[in-house]
Protein backbone atom coordinates (compact mmCIF):
# COMPACT_ATOMS: atom_id res chain seq x y z
CA MET A 1 12.92 -52.59 -144.89
CA ALA A 2 9.40 -54.05 -144.46
CA LYS A 3 6.88 -53.14 -147.09
CA ALA A 4 4.17 -50.78 -145.83
CA TYR A 5 0.77 -52.37 -145.25
CA GLU A 6 -1.68 -51.51 -148.01
CA ARG A 7 -5.28 -51.47 -146.87
CA LYS A 8 -7.84 -52.94 -149.23
CA HIS A 9 -10.34 -50.59 -150.87
CA ARG A 10 -13.55 -50.80 -148.82
CA ILE A 11 -16.86 -50.98 -150.67
CA ALA A 12 -20.33 -50.88 -149.10
CA VAL A 13 -23.23 -51.87 -151.32
CA LEU A 14 -26.72 -50.88 -150.21
CA GLY A 15 -29.23 -53.28 -151.77
CA GLY A 16 -28.72 -56.71 -153.29
CA GLY A 17 -30.74 -56.47 -156.51
CA PRO A 18 -29.12 -56.88 -159.95
CA GLY A 19 -27.13 -53.65 -159.60
CA GLY A 20 -25.97 -54.29 -156.06
CA TYR A 21 -25.20 -57.95 -156.73
CA GLU A 22 -23.02 -57.17 -159.74
CA ALA A 23 -21.29 -54.33 -157.91
CA ALA A 24 -20.46 -56.57 -154.95
CA LEU A 25 -19.29 -59.42 -157.15
CA ALA A 26 -17.13 -57.15 -159.33
CA GLY A 27 -15.62 -55.50 -156.27
CA ALA A 28 -14.67 -58.82 -154.71
CA GLN A 29 -13.23 -60.11 -157.98
CA LEU A 30 -11.06 -56.99 -158.22
CA GLY A 31 -9.67 -57.52 -154.73
CA ALA A 32 -11.69 -55.04 -152.68
CA GLU A 33 -13.18 -55.60 -149.24
CA VAL A 34 -16.93 -55.69 -149.94
CA THR A 35 -19.94 -55.54 -147.61
CA LEU A 36 -23.43 -55.97 -149.04
CA ILE A 37 -26.43 -54.80 -147.00
CA GLU A 38 -29.79 -56.32 -147.98
CA ARG A 39 -33.05 -56.43 -146.03
CA ALA A 40 -35.03 -59.13 -147.89
CA GLY A 41 -32.70 -61.41 -149.80
CA VAL A 42 -29.96 -61.34 -152.41
CA GLY A 43 -31.48 -60.59 -155.79
CA GLY A 44 -33.84 -58.00 -154.33
CA ALA A 45 -37.30 -57.39 -155.71
CA ALA A 46 -36.14 -58.20 -159.25
CA VAL A 47 -35.53 -61.83 -158.28
CA LEU A 48 -37.97 -62.33 -155.42
CA THR A 49 -41.13 -60.47 -156.48
CA ASP A 50 -40.66 -58.92 -159.91
CA VAL A 51 -38.67 -60.04 -162.93
CA VAL A 52 -38.05 -63.71 -162.15
CA PRO A 53 -41.56 -64.68 -160.99
CA SER A 54 -43.39 -62.46 -163.47
CA LYS A 55 -41.47 -63.71 -166.50
CA SER A 56 -41.92 -67.27 -165.25
CA LEU A 57 -45.68 -66.70 -165.03
CA ILE A 58 -45.62 -65.28 -168.55
CA ALA A 59 -43.67 -68.33 -169.75
CA THR A 60 -46.40 -70.55 -168.26
CA ALA A 61 -49.03 -68.54 -170.13
CA GLY A 62 -46.95 -68.91 -173.29
CA ALA A 63 -47.00 -72.69 -172.87
CA VAL A 64 -50.78 -72.57 -172.57
CA GLN A 65 -51.05 -70.43 -175.69
CA ALA A 66 -48.74 -72.78 -177.62
CA VAL A 67 -51.01 -75.73 -176.81
CA ARG A 68 -54.08 -73.79 -177.88
CA ASP A 69 -52.43 -72.72 -181.12
CA SER A 70 -51.11 -76.19 -181.94
CA GLY A 71 -54.14 -76.82 -184.13
CA ARG A 72 -52.54 -74.49 -186.69
CA LEU A 73 -49.86 -77.12 -187.15
CA GLY A 74 -52.28 -80.00 -187.46
CA VAL A 75 -51.81 -81.20 -183.89
CA GLN A 76 -55.10 -82.38 -182.42
CA ALA A 77 -55.68 -83.37 -178.82
CA PHE A 78 -59.14 -84.86 -178.71
CA VAL A 79 -60.90 -87.34 -176.44
CA PRO A 80 -64.10 -89.20 -177.32
CA GLY A 81 -67.31 -87.75 -175.92
CA GLY A 82 -70.39 -89.57 -174.78
CA ASP A 83 -71.60 -89.94 -178.35
CA GLY A 84 -68.22 -91.20 -179.51
CA LYS A 85 -67.40 -87.98 -181.36
CA PRO A 86 -64.12 -86.21 -180.59
CA VAL A 87 -64.27 -83.46 -177.99
CA ARG A 88 -61.35 -81.13 -177.43
CA PRO A 89 -60.53 -80.94 -173.71
CA GLU A 90 -60.11 -77.65 -171.90
CA ILE A 91 -56.65 -76.68 -170.64
CA ALA A 92 -56.65 -76.57 -166.85
CA VAL A 93 -54.35 -74.15 -165.02
CA ASN A 94 -53.71 -74.65 -161.31
CA LEU A 95 -52.68 -71.11 -160.36
CA ALA A 96 -51.80 -72.03 -156.77
CA ALA A 97 -49.36 -74.67 -158.07
CA VAL A 98 -48.00 -72.25 -160.68
CA ASN A 99 -47.40 -69.54 -158.07
CA LYS A 100 -45.77 -72.02 -155.70
CA ARG A 101 -43.35 -73.00 -158.46
CA LEU A 102 -42.60 -69.37 -159.36
CA LEU A 103 -41.81 -68.33 -155.81
CA ALA A 104 -39.75 -71.46 -155.15
CA MET A 105 -37.76 -70.78 -158.29
CA ALA A 106 -37.23 -67.14 -157.27
CA GLY A 107 -36.06 -68.26 -153.83
CA ALA A 108 -33.65 -70.78 -155.34
CA GLN A 109 -32.23 -68.11 -157.64
CA SER A 110 -31.70 -65.85 -154.63
CA VAL A 111 -29.83 -68.63 -152.80
CA ASP A 112 -27.63 -69.26 -155.86
CA MET A 113 -26.72 -65.58 -155.98
CA LEU A 114 -26.02 -65.54 -152.25
CA ARG A 115 -23.63 -68.46 -152.58
CA SER A 116 -21.84 -66.80 -155.49
CA LEU A 117 -21.21 -63.72 -153.37
CA GLU A 118 -20.08 -65.76 -150.37
CA ASP A 119 -17.72 -67.79 -152.56
CA ALA A 120 -16.24 -64.53 -153.86
CA GLY A 121 -15.60 -63.34 -150.30
CA VAL A 122 -18.37 -60.74 -149.97
CA ARG A 123 -19.56 -60.03 -146.43
CA ILE A 124 -23.36 -59.99 -146.35
CA VAL A 125 -25.28 -58.12 -143.67
CA GLN A 126 -29.05 -58.46 -143.34
CA GLY A 127 -30.79 -55.30 -142.23
CA GLU A 128 -31.96 -51.81 -143.16
CA GLY A 129 -29.21 -49.50 -144.32
CA ARG A 130 -28.85 -45.75 -144.78
CA LEU A 131 -26.00 -43.38 -145.45
CA ASP A 132 -24.09 -41.70 -142.66
CA GLY A 133 -22.28 -39.14 -144.74
CA PRO A 134 -20.29 -39.81 -147.92
CA ASN A 135 -18.12 -42.61 -146.48
CA ALA A 136 -20.23 -44.68 -144.12
CA VAL A 137 -23.43 -46.71 -143.91
CA LEU A 138 -25.54 -47.28 -140.82
CA VAL A 139 -27.25 -50.66 -140.70
CA SER A 140 -30.15 -51.36 -138.35
CA THR A 141 -30.37 -54.95 -137.17
CA ALA A 142 -32.93 -56.57 -134.89
CA ALA A 143 -31.71 -56.79 -131.30
CA GLY A 144 -34.45 -58.91 -129.75
CA ASN A 145 -36.30 -57.32 -126.84
CA GLU A 146 -33.74 -54.55 -126.65
CA GLY A 147 -34.99 -52.85 -129.82
CA THR A 148 -32.65 -52.01 -132.66
CA ASP A 149 -28.87 -51.95 -132.91
CA PHE A 150 -26.92 -49.96 -135.48
CA ASP A 151 -23.70 -51.08 -137.11
CA ARG A 152 -21.57 -48.41 -138.76
CA ILE A 153 -19.72 -49.60 -141.85
CA GLU A 154 -17.04 -47.28 -143.17
CA ALA A 155 -16.32 -47.37 -146.89
CA ASP A 156 -14.15 -45.72 -149.50
CA THR A 157 -16.88 -46.32 -152.07
CA ILE A 158 -20.63 -46.71 -151.57
CA VAL A 159 -23.01 -48.11 -154.18
CA VAL A 160 -26.72 -47.44 -153.62
CA SER A 161 -28.96 -49.95 -155.35
CA VAL A 162 -32.21 -49.94 -153.42
CA GLY A 163 -34.66 -50.39 -156.31
CA ALA A 164 -38.23 -49.16 -156.56
CA SER A 165 -41.70 -50.14 -155.38
CA PRO A 166 -45.11 -50.15 -157.11
CA ARG A 167 -46.75 -46.75 -157.14
CA GLU A 168 -49.87 -46.61 -154.97
CA LEU A 169 -52.72 -44.14 -155.47
CA ASP A 170 -54.79 -42.81 -152.57
CA SER A 171 -57.92 -43.40 -154.63
CA ALA A 172 -57.00 -47.02 -155.33
CA LYS A 173 -55.16 -48.35 -152.30
CA PRO A 174 -54.01 -51.96 -152.74
CA ASP A 175 -55.31 -54.33 -150.06
CA GLY A 176 -53.57 -57.51 -151.17
CA GLU A 177 -56.87 -59.30 -151.72
CA ARG A 178 -58.89 -57.61 -154.46
CA ILE A 179 -56.90 -54.47 -155.30
CA LEU A 180 -53.37 -55.61 -156.06
CA THR A 181 -49.90 -54.49 -157.05
CA TRP A 182 -47.80 -56.78 -159.23
CA LYS A 183 -45.96 -57.95 -156.09
CA GLN A 184 -49.22 -59.26 -154.60
CA LEU A 185 -50.42 -61.31 -157.57
CA TYR A 186 -48.55 -64.42 -156.42
CA ASP A 187 -50.84 -64.81 -153.40
CA LEU A 188 -53.89 -65.47 -155.59
CA PRO A 189 -55.21 -69.00 -154.99
CA ALA A 190 -57.02 -69.21 -158.34
CA ILE A 191 -57.37 -67.50 -161.70
CA PRO A 192 -59.35 -64.26 -161.22
CA GLU A 193 -62.82 -64.39 -162.72
CA HIS A 194 -62.44 -60.89 -164.16
CA LEU A 195 -59.17 -59.00 -163.75
CA VAL A 196 -59.24 -55.27 -164.43
CA VAL A 197 -55.74 -54.01 -165.23
CA VAL A 198 -55.20 -50.27 -164.79
CA GLY A 199 -52.24 -49.13 -166.88
CA SER A 200 -51.21 -50.25 -170.36
CA GLY A 201 -47.46 -49.80 -170.07
CA VAL A 202 -45.10 -52.75 -170.11
CA THR A 203 -46.14 -54.20 -166.74
CA GLY A 204 -49.86 -53.81 -167.36
CA ALA A 205 -49.69 -55.23 -170.87
CA GLU A 206 -47.59 -58.23 -169.83
CA PHE A 207 -49.86 -59.25 -166.96
CA ALA A 208 -53.05 -58.56 -168.92
CA ASN A 209 -51.78 -60.80 -171.69
CA ALA A 210 -50.68 -63.55 -169.27
CA TYR A 211 -53.90 -63.70 -167.23
CA ARG A 212 -56.13 -63.57 -170.29
CA THR A 213 -54.19 -66.51 -171.72
CA LEU A 214 -54.47 -68.37 -168.42
CA GLY A 215 -58.26 -68.07 -168.62
CA ALA A 216 -59.29 -64.90 -166.81
CA GLU A 217 -61.62 -62.36 -168.34
CA VAL A 218 -59.45 -59.24 -168.61
CA THR A 219 -60.25 -55.57 -169.10
CA LEU A 220 -57.25 -53.34 -169.80
CA VAL A 221 -57.83 -49.69 -168.89
CA SER A 222 -55.47 -47.52 -170.93
CA SER A 223 -55.22 -43.76 -170.61
CA ARG A 224 -53.55 -43.58 -174.01
CA GLU A 225 -54.87 -44.10 -177.52
CA GLN A 226 -52.79 -47.26 -177.97
CA VAL A 227 -51.42 -49.85 -175.56
CA LEU A 228 -47.68 -49.75 -174.89
CA PRO A 229 -47.38 -46.04 -175.78
CA GLY A 230 -43.61 -46.05 -175.32
CA GLU A 231 -43.00 -48.78 -177.89
CA ASP A 232 -42.74 -48.70 -181.67
CA PRO A 233 -46.27 -47.84 -182.93
CA ASP A 234 -46.28 -50.70 -185.46
CA ALA A 235 -45.21 -53.13 -182.75
CA ALA A 236 -47.85 -51.88 -180.31
CA ALA A 237 -50.49 -52.30 -183.03
CA VAL A 238 -49.57 -55.98 -183.41
CA ILE A 239 -49.92 -56.52 -179.66
CA GLU A 240 -53.27 -54.73 -179.52
CA ARG A 241 -54.57 -56.89 -182.36
CA GLU A 242 -53.43 -59.99 -180.45
CA PHE A 243 -55.16 -58.75 -177.30
CA THR A 244 -58.38 -58.35 -179.25
CA ARG A 245 -57.98 -61.81 -180.80
CA LEU A 246 -57.66 -63.26 -177.31
CA GLY A 247 -60.94 -61.64 -176.30
CA MET A 248 -59.45 -58.99 -174.02
CA HIS A 249 -61.46 -55.80 -173.46
CA VAL A 250 -59.16 -52.87 -174.24
CA MET A 251 -60.49 -49.48 -173.12
CA SER A 252 -58.39 -46.82 -174.85
CA LYS A 253 -58.22 -43.17 -173.78
CA SER A 254 -59.82 -44.17 -170.47
CA ARG A 255 -58.21 -42.88 -167.30
CA ALA A 256 -59.11 -44.55 -164.01
CA GLU A 257 -60.14 -42.16 -161.23
CA SER A 258 -60.69 -44.60 -158.37
CA VAL A 259 -60.91 -48.28 -157.46
CA GLN A 260 -63.15 -49.47 -154.64
CA ARG A 261 -63.90 -52.80 -153.03
CA THR A 262 -67.39 -54.15 -153.49
CA GLU A 263 -69.10 -57.07 -151.78
CA ASN A 264 -67.79 -59.57 -154.34
CA GLY A 265 -65.06 -57.71 -156.21
CA VAL A 266 -64.01 -54.26 -157.32
CA LEU A 267 -65.52 -51.21 -158.97
CA VAL A 268 -63.27 -49.12 -161.18
CA THR A 269 -64.56 -45.61 -161.88
CA LEU A 270 -63.21 -43.72 -164.88
CA GLU A 271 -62.77 -39.95 -165.13
CA ASP A 272 -65.63 -39.71 -167.63
CA GLY A 273 -68.03 -41.38 -165.19
CA ARG A 274 -68.08 -44.85 -166.70
CA THR A 275 -67.50 -47.80 -164.41
CA VAL A 276 -66.01 -51.26 -164.79
CA GLU A 277 -66.83 -54.10 -162.42
CA GLY A 278 -64.46 -56.99 -161.90
CA SER A 279 -63.42 -59.60 -159.38
CA HIS A 280 -59.90 -58.17 -158.96
CA CYS A 281 -57.92 -55.12 -160.03
CA LEU A 282 -54.21 -54.89 -160.80
CA MET A 283 -52.75 -51.42 -160.41
CA ALA A 284 -49.89 -51.05 -162.89
CA VAL A 285 -49.34 -47.30 -162.75
CA GLY A 286 -45.59 -47.13 -162.47
CA SER A 287 -43.14 -47.27 -159.61
CA ILE A 288 -41.41 -44.96 -157.13
CA PRO A 289 -37.75 -45.19 -156.05
CA ASN A 290 -36.98 -46.49 -152.55
CA THR A 291 -34.85 -43.46 -151.73
CA THR A 292 -36.80 -41.96 -148.82
CA ASP A 293 -35.02 -41.69 -145.45
CA LEU A 294 -31.71 -43.02 -146.75
CA GLY A 295 -29.68 -39.96 -145.82
CA LEU A 296 -28.91 -39.27 -149.49
CA GLU A 297 -29.47 -35.53 -149.59
CA LYS A 298 -27.66 -35.02 -146.28
CA ALA A 299 -24.67 -36.82 -147.80
CA GLY A 300 -24.81 -34.47 -150.80
CA VAL A 301 -26.43 -36.81 -153.33
CA ALA A 302 -28.63 -35.00 -155.87
CA LEU A 303 -32.14 -36.31 -156.51
CA THR A 304 -34.73 -35.59 -159.19
CA GLU A 305 -38.17 -34.24 -158.29
CA SER A 306 -39.47 -37.83 -158.44
CA GLY A 307 -36.88 -38.96 -155.89
CA HIS A 308 -34.57 -40.77 -158.33
CA ILE A 309 -30.82 -40.50 -157.80
CA ARG A 310 -29.03 -38.46 -160.46
CA VAL A 311 -26.12 -40.40 -161.94
CA ASN A 312 -23.79 -39.97 -164.89
CA LYS A 313 -22.80 -42.55 -167.51
CA VAL A 314 -20.43 -44.31 -165.13
CA ALA A 315 -23.14 -44.48 -162.40
CA ARG A 316 -21.52 -41.86 -160.15
CA THR A 317 -23.61 -39.38 -158.20
CA ALA A 318 -22.79 -35.78 -157.35
CA VAL A 319 -20.62 -37.17 -154.52
CA PRO A 320 -17.37 -38.74 -155.84
CA SER A 321 -17.42 -41.61 -153.34
CA ILE A 322 -21.07 -42.54 -153.92
CA TYR A 323 -22.43 -44.40 -156.93
CA ALA A 324 -25.94 -45.68 -157.64
CA ALA A 325 -27.44 -48.37 -159.85
CA GLY A 326 -30.83 -49.65 -160.89
CA ASP A 327 -34.41 -48.44 -160.65
CA CYS A 328 -33.58 -45.96 -157.88
CA THR A 329 -31.59 -43.91 -160.41
CA ASP A 330 -32.70 -41.64 -163.23
CA PHE A 331 -31.33 -44.12 -165.78
CA TYR A 332 -33.20 -46.81 -167.76
CA PRO A 333 -35.21 -49.06 -165.36
CA LEU A 334 -34.08 -52.48 -166.60
CA ALA A 335 -32.40 -55.29 -164.67
CA SER A 336 -29.71 -55.59 -167.35
CA VAL A 337 -28.96 -51.86 -167.12
CA ALA A 338 -28.83 -52.06 -163.32
CA ALA A 339 -26.31 -54.88 -163.55
CA MET A 340 -24.20 -52.94 -166.04
CA GLN A 341 -24.34 -49.84 -163.82
CA GLY A 342 -23.19 -51.88 -160.84
CA ARG A 343 -20.18 -53.30 -162.69
CA THR A 344 -19.35 -49.94 -164.28
CA ALA A 345 -19.48 -48.16 -160.91
CA ILE A 346 -16.97 -50.51 -159.31
CA MET A 347 -14.61 -50.54 -162.27
CA HIS A 348 -14.61 -46.74 -162.31
CA ALA A 349 -14.14 -46.47 -158.55
CA LEU A 350 -11.18 -48.87 -158.61
CA GLY A 351 -9.53 -47.23 -161.61
CA ASP A 352 -10.13 -50.12 -164.01
CA PHE A 353 -10.88 -49.53 -167.68
CA VAL A 354 -14.50 -48.49 -168.05
CA ARG A 355 -16.68 -47.60 -170.98
CA PRO A 356 -19.49 -45.15 -170.19
CA ILE A 357 -22.95 -46.65 -170.61
CA ASP A 358 -24.75 -45.58 -173.79
CA LEU A 359 -28.48 -46.06 -173.35
CA ARG A 360 -28.98 -46.15 -177.10
CA ASN A 361 -27.19 -49.49 -177.13
CA VAL A 362 -29.49 -51.11 -174.55
CA ALA A 363 -31.62 -54.02 -175.73
CA ALA A 364 -35.06 -54.21 -174.11
CA ASN A 365 -38.00 -56.59 -174.33
CA VAL A 366 -41.74 -56.61 -173.65
CA PHE A 367 -42.75 -60.14 -172.65
CA THR A 368 -46.15 -60.23 -174.27
CA TYR A 369 -47.14 -62.95 -176.76
CA PRO A 370 -45.63 -62.18 -179.26
CA GLU A 371 -42.75 -60.31 -177.65
CA ILE A 372 -41.42 -56.89 -178.64
CA ALA A 373 -37.63 -56.56 -178.59
CA THR A 374 -35.89 -53.27 -179.33
CA VAL A 375 -32.43 -51.76 -179.43
CA GLY A 376 -30.98 -48.40 -180.39
CA TRP A 377 -32.81 -45.58 -182.11
CA ASN A 378 -36.53 -46.02 -182.71
CA ALA A 379 -39.37 -44.24 -184.48
CA HIS A 380 -39.92 -41.90 -181.50
CA SER A 381 -36.31 -40.84 -181.04
CA LEU A 382 -35.66 -40.48 -184.78
CA ALA A 383 -38.73 -38.27 -185.15
CA GLU A 384 -37.39 -35.97 -182.43
CA ALA A 385 -33.81 -35.87 -183.74
CA THR A 386 -32.93 -32.77 -185.72
CA ASP A 387 -29.14 -32.76 -185.66
CA VAL A 388 -28.44 -36.16 -187.18
CA ALA A 389 -28.33 -37.51 -190.71
CA LYS A 390 -31.50 -38.78 -192.28
CA ALA A 391 -32.35 -42.36 -191.35
CA ILE A 392 -33.71 -45.12 -193.54
CA GLU A 393 -35.72 -48.11 -192.42
CA HIS A 394 -37.04 -51.37 -193.76
CA THR A 395 -39.54 -53.86 -192.40
CA ILE A 396 -39.75 -57.57 -193.17
CA PRO A 397 -43.11 -59.06 -192.12
CA LEU A 398 -42.87 -62.54 -190.63
CA SER A 399 -45.60 -63.63 -193.00
CA VAL A 400 -42.89 -64.00 -195.67
CA ASN A 401 -40.35 -65.73 -193.41
CA PRO A 402 -40.27 -69.51 -194.04
CA ARG A 403 -39.37 -70.43 -190.45
CA ALA A 404 -42.21 -68.30 -189.07
CA LYS A 405 -44.61 -70.12 -191.37
CA MET A 406 -43.31 -73.48 -190.19
CA ILE A 407 -43.87 -72.74 -186.52
CA GLY A 408 -47.22 -71.09 -187.24
CA PHE A 409 -46.32 -67.66 -185.86
CA THR A 410 -46.43 -65.04 -188.61
CA ASP A 411 -48.00 -62.02 -186.88
CA GLY A 412 -44.90 -59.90 -186.38
CA PHE A 413 -41.99 -58.30 -188.17
CA VAL A 414 -38.32 -57.32 -188.17
CA LYS A 415 -37.57 -53.62 -188.63
CA LEU A 416 -34.13 -52.07 -189.09
CA PHE A 417 -33.06 -48.43 -188.87
CA ALA A 418 -29.82 -47.17 -190.43
CA TRP A 419 -28.22 -43.87 -191.36
CA LYS A 420 -28.84 -43.09 -195.01
CA ALA A 421 -25.35 -41.74 -195.70
CA SER A 422 -23.26 -44.48 -194.11
CA GLY A 423 -25.60 -47.44 -193.85
CA THR A 424 -24.68 -47.84 -190.17
CA VAL A 425 -27.29 -49.79 -188.23
CA VAL A 426 -28.63 -47.58 -185.44
CA GLY A 427 -31.68 -49.47 -184.22
CA GLY A 428 -34.09 -52.30 -184.66
CA VAL A 429 -37.45 -53.70 -183.61
CA ILE A 430 -38.43 -57.36 -183.61
CA VAL A 431 -41.98 -58.52 -182.94
CA ALA A 432 -42.00 -62.30 -182.78
CA HIS A 433 -42.20 -65.36 -180.60
CA ARG A 434 -39.11 -65.18 -178.33
CA ALA A 435 -38.01 -61.88 -179.83
CA SER A 436 -35.85 -61.46 -176.73
CA GLU A 437 -33.61 -64.23 -178.07
CA LEU A 438 -33.51 -62.75 -181.59
CA ILE A 439 -32.53 -59.16 -180.79
CA PHE A 440 -28.92 -59.93 -179.83
CA PRO A 441 -27.52 -59.81 -183.39
CA LEU A 442 -28.99 -56.32 -183.77
CA ALA A 443 -27.63 -55.33 -180.35
CA LEU A 444 -24.16 -56.35 -181.55
CA ALA A 445 -24.65 -54.40 -184.77
CA VAL A 446 -25.68 -51.25 -182.89
CA GLU A 447 -22.95 -51.60 -180.25
CA HIS A 448 -20.17 -52.06 -182.81
CA ARG A 449 -21.62 -49.74 -185.47
CA LEU A 450 -21.89 -52.34 -188.18
CA THR A 451 -23.29 -51.34 -191.53
CA VAL A 452 -26.27 -52.99 -193.15
CA ASP A 453 -23.91 -54.57 -195.68
CA GLN A 454 -21.84 -56.11 -192.89
CA VAL A 455 -24.96 -57.53 -191.26
CA ALA A 456 -26.23 -58.81 -194.60
CA SER A 457 -22.93 -60.51 -195.36
CA ALA A 458 -23.18 -62.76 -192.29
CA PHE A 459 -24.67 -66.20 -192.91
CA ALA A 460 -28.07 -66.84 -191.34
CA VAL A 461 -29.32 -70.41 -191.04
CA TYR A 462 -31.98 -71.31 -193.57
CA PRO A 463 -34.72 -71.53 -192.58
CA SER A 464 -34.55 -69.33 -189.50
CA MET A 465 -36.18 -66.30 -187.94
CA THR A 466 -32.81 -64.53 -187.97
CA GLY A 467 -32.96 -64.77 -191.75
CA ALA A 468 -35.44 -61.90 -191.56
CA ILE A 469 -32.66 -59.76 -190.07
CA THR A 470 -30.28 -60.34 -192.98
CA ASP A 471 -33.16 -59.87 -195.43
CA ALA A 472 -33.98 -56.48 -193.91
CA ALA A 473 -30.30 -55.48 -193.94
CA ARG A 474 -29.96 -56.54 -197.58
CA ALA A 475 -32.97 -54.43 -198.50
CA LEU A 476 -31.22 -51.36 -197.06
CA HIS A 477 -28.12 -51.78 -199.27
CA ARG A 478 -27.05 -48.55 -200.95
CA HIS A 479 -24.91 -48.42 -204.11
């Protein structure tokens, strides 16, 4: 007797950012029939206009800063002046060339991701998509002079990964020329004479740092008492000191009320009546999810008041057949989390082994100079916790680390948090050059619940920055 035909599980992925890409790739690898709908390009905003170009710009600024700081190491780049005496040359930054490189690199990354999906057998449809109930997606595609056609794609599982867009204020509408969102910065032909950055969160701090290093005068307008209010207070203090050292104007407890174009620039008016004039203004006041007009609520998907999709720890929504990943959800807005949500969603939908996502195990990074890398519990969450054992912490300043001294970068630290009773590592903060590359050992320790003694017993290279991690763990040893 012939074996009955078994239809493949059909998956429709709405949005090709990190979450959608990983969901599509995982689905294809597990044997499903996968269709990915994307309007701009594989990789989404994260690759094309956000994470990839912004971190590349920051890396360029880091190279500039490294050259400027090379004098600490005895490296001198001098040319003879007219009188024969050495004159240190200025570092020239061609922003148009830098931006061209960033966008080309982002485009190349998008193409690489596209090819990976095609090689895996994913069907890719370019167009605008929205839900048509819990088991179908409508995709609008250009139909020439005839208007718009709609394709209906039926699916057993739908993954929504449509991302988010920069928040725009009515009193400070971006125009793409003088008043800008972070997506519009890459159209600048030259370094701004005076960039006013409104918002001192991660995005605002990163771009303020980068453009000040590249040579712009920068004023950072912060509504809070300290920049990076969501980060470890000691870490934020290091960054604020570095901003001041760079000559940045930091205006604390100053909330912007409006931003207007002037004849030659912008005028930023604060709530207390003060004004700041600049050549350009970057609005870094958060983001909003791209969940409007997607048919989510009609399909039964629950949203928060802010429009984010409510998901559980396996990325499933209130509708069993619909999952969501990335910045459009009420989870942690990081590309790495989006990717993990995408993979987790597909594994759960297909009945594979899945481990629910624990946000306390997520490693995150602020790409300032120095960087701030964190994982697990922090000072804020420990202060709010009332039903857990007492925690202990220890900080090793980089000023005592031999490797940090060698590379001339000692303004930072390594901080560990552990439970007092068990010695289990529950969190850590690293402020250092390339802290994003140093946090992984602590991420492993938090993920696998290692004790401080287990971390301390591992061999760290001498001399190395990671030696500060074992030193901090050793200091937390309990008899």
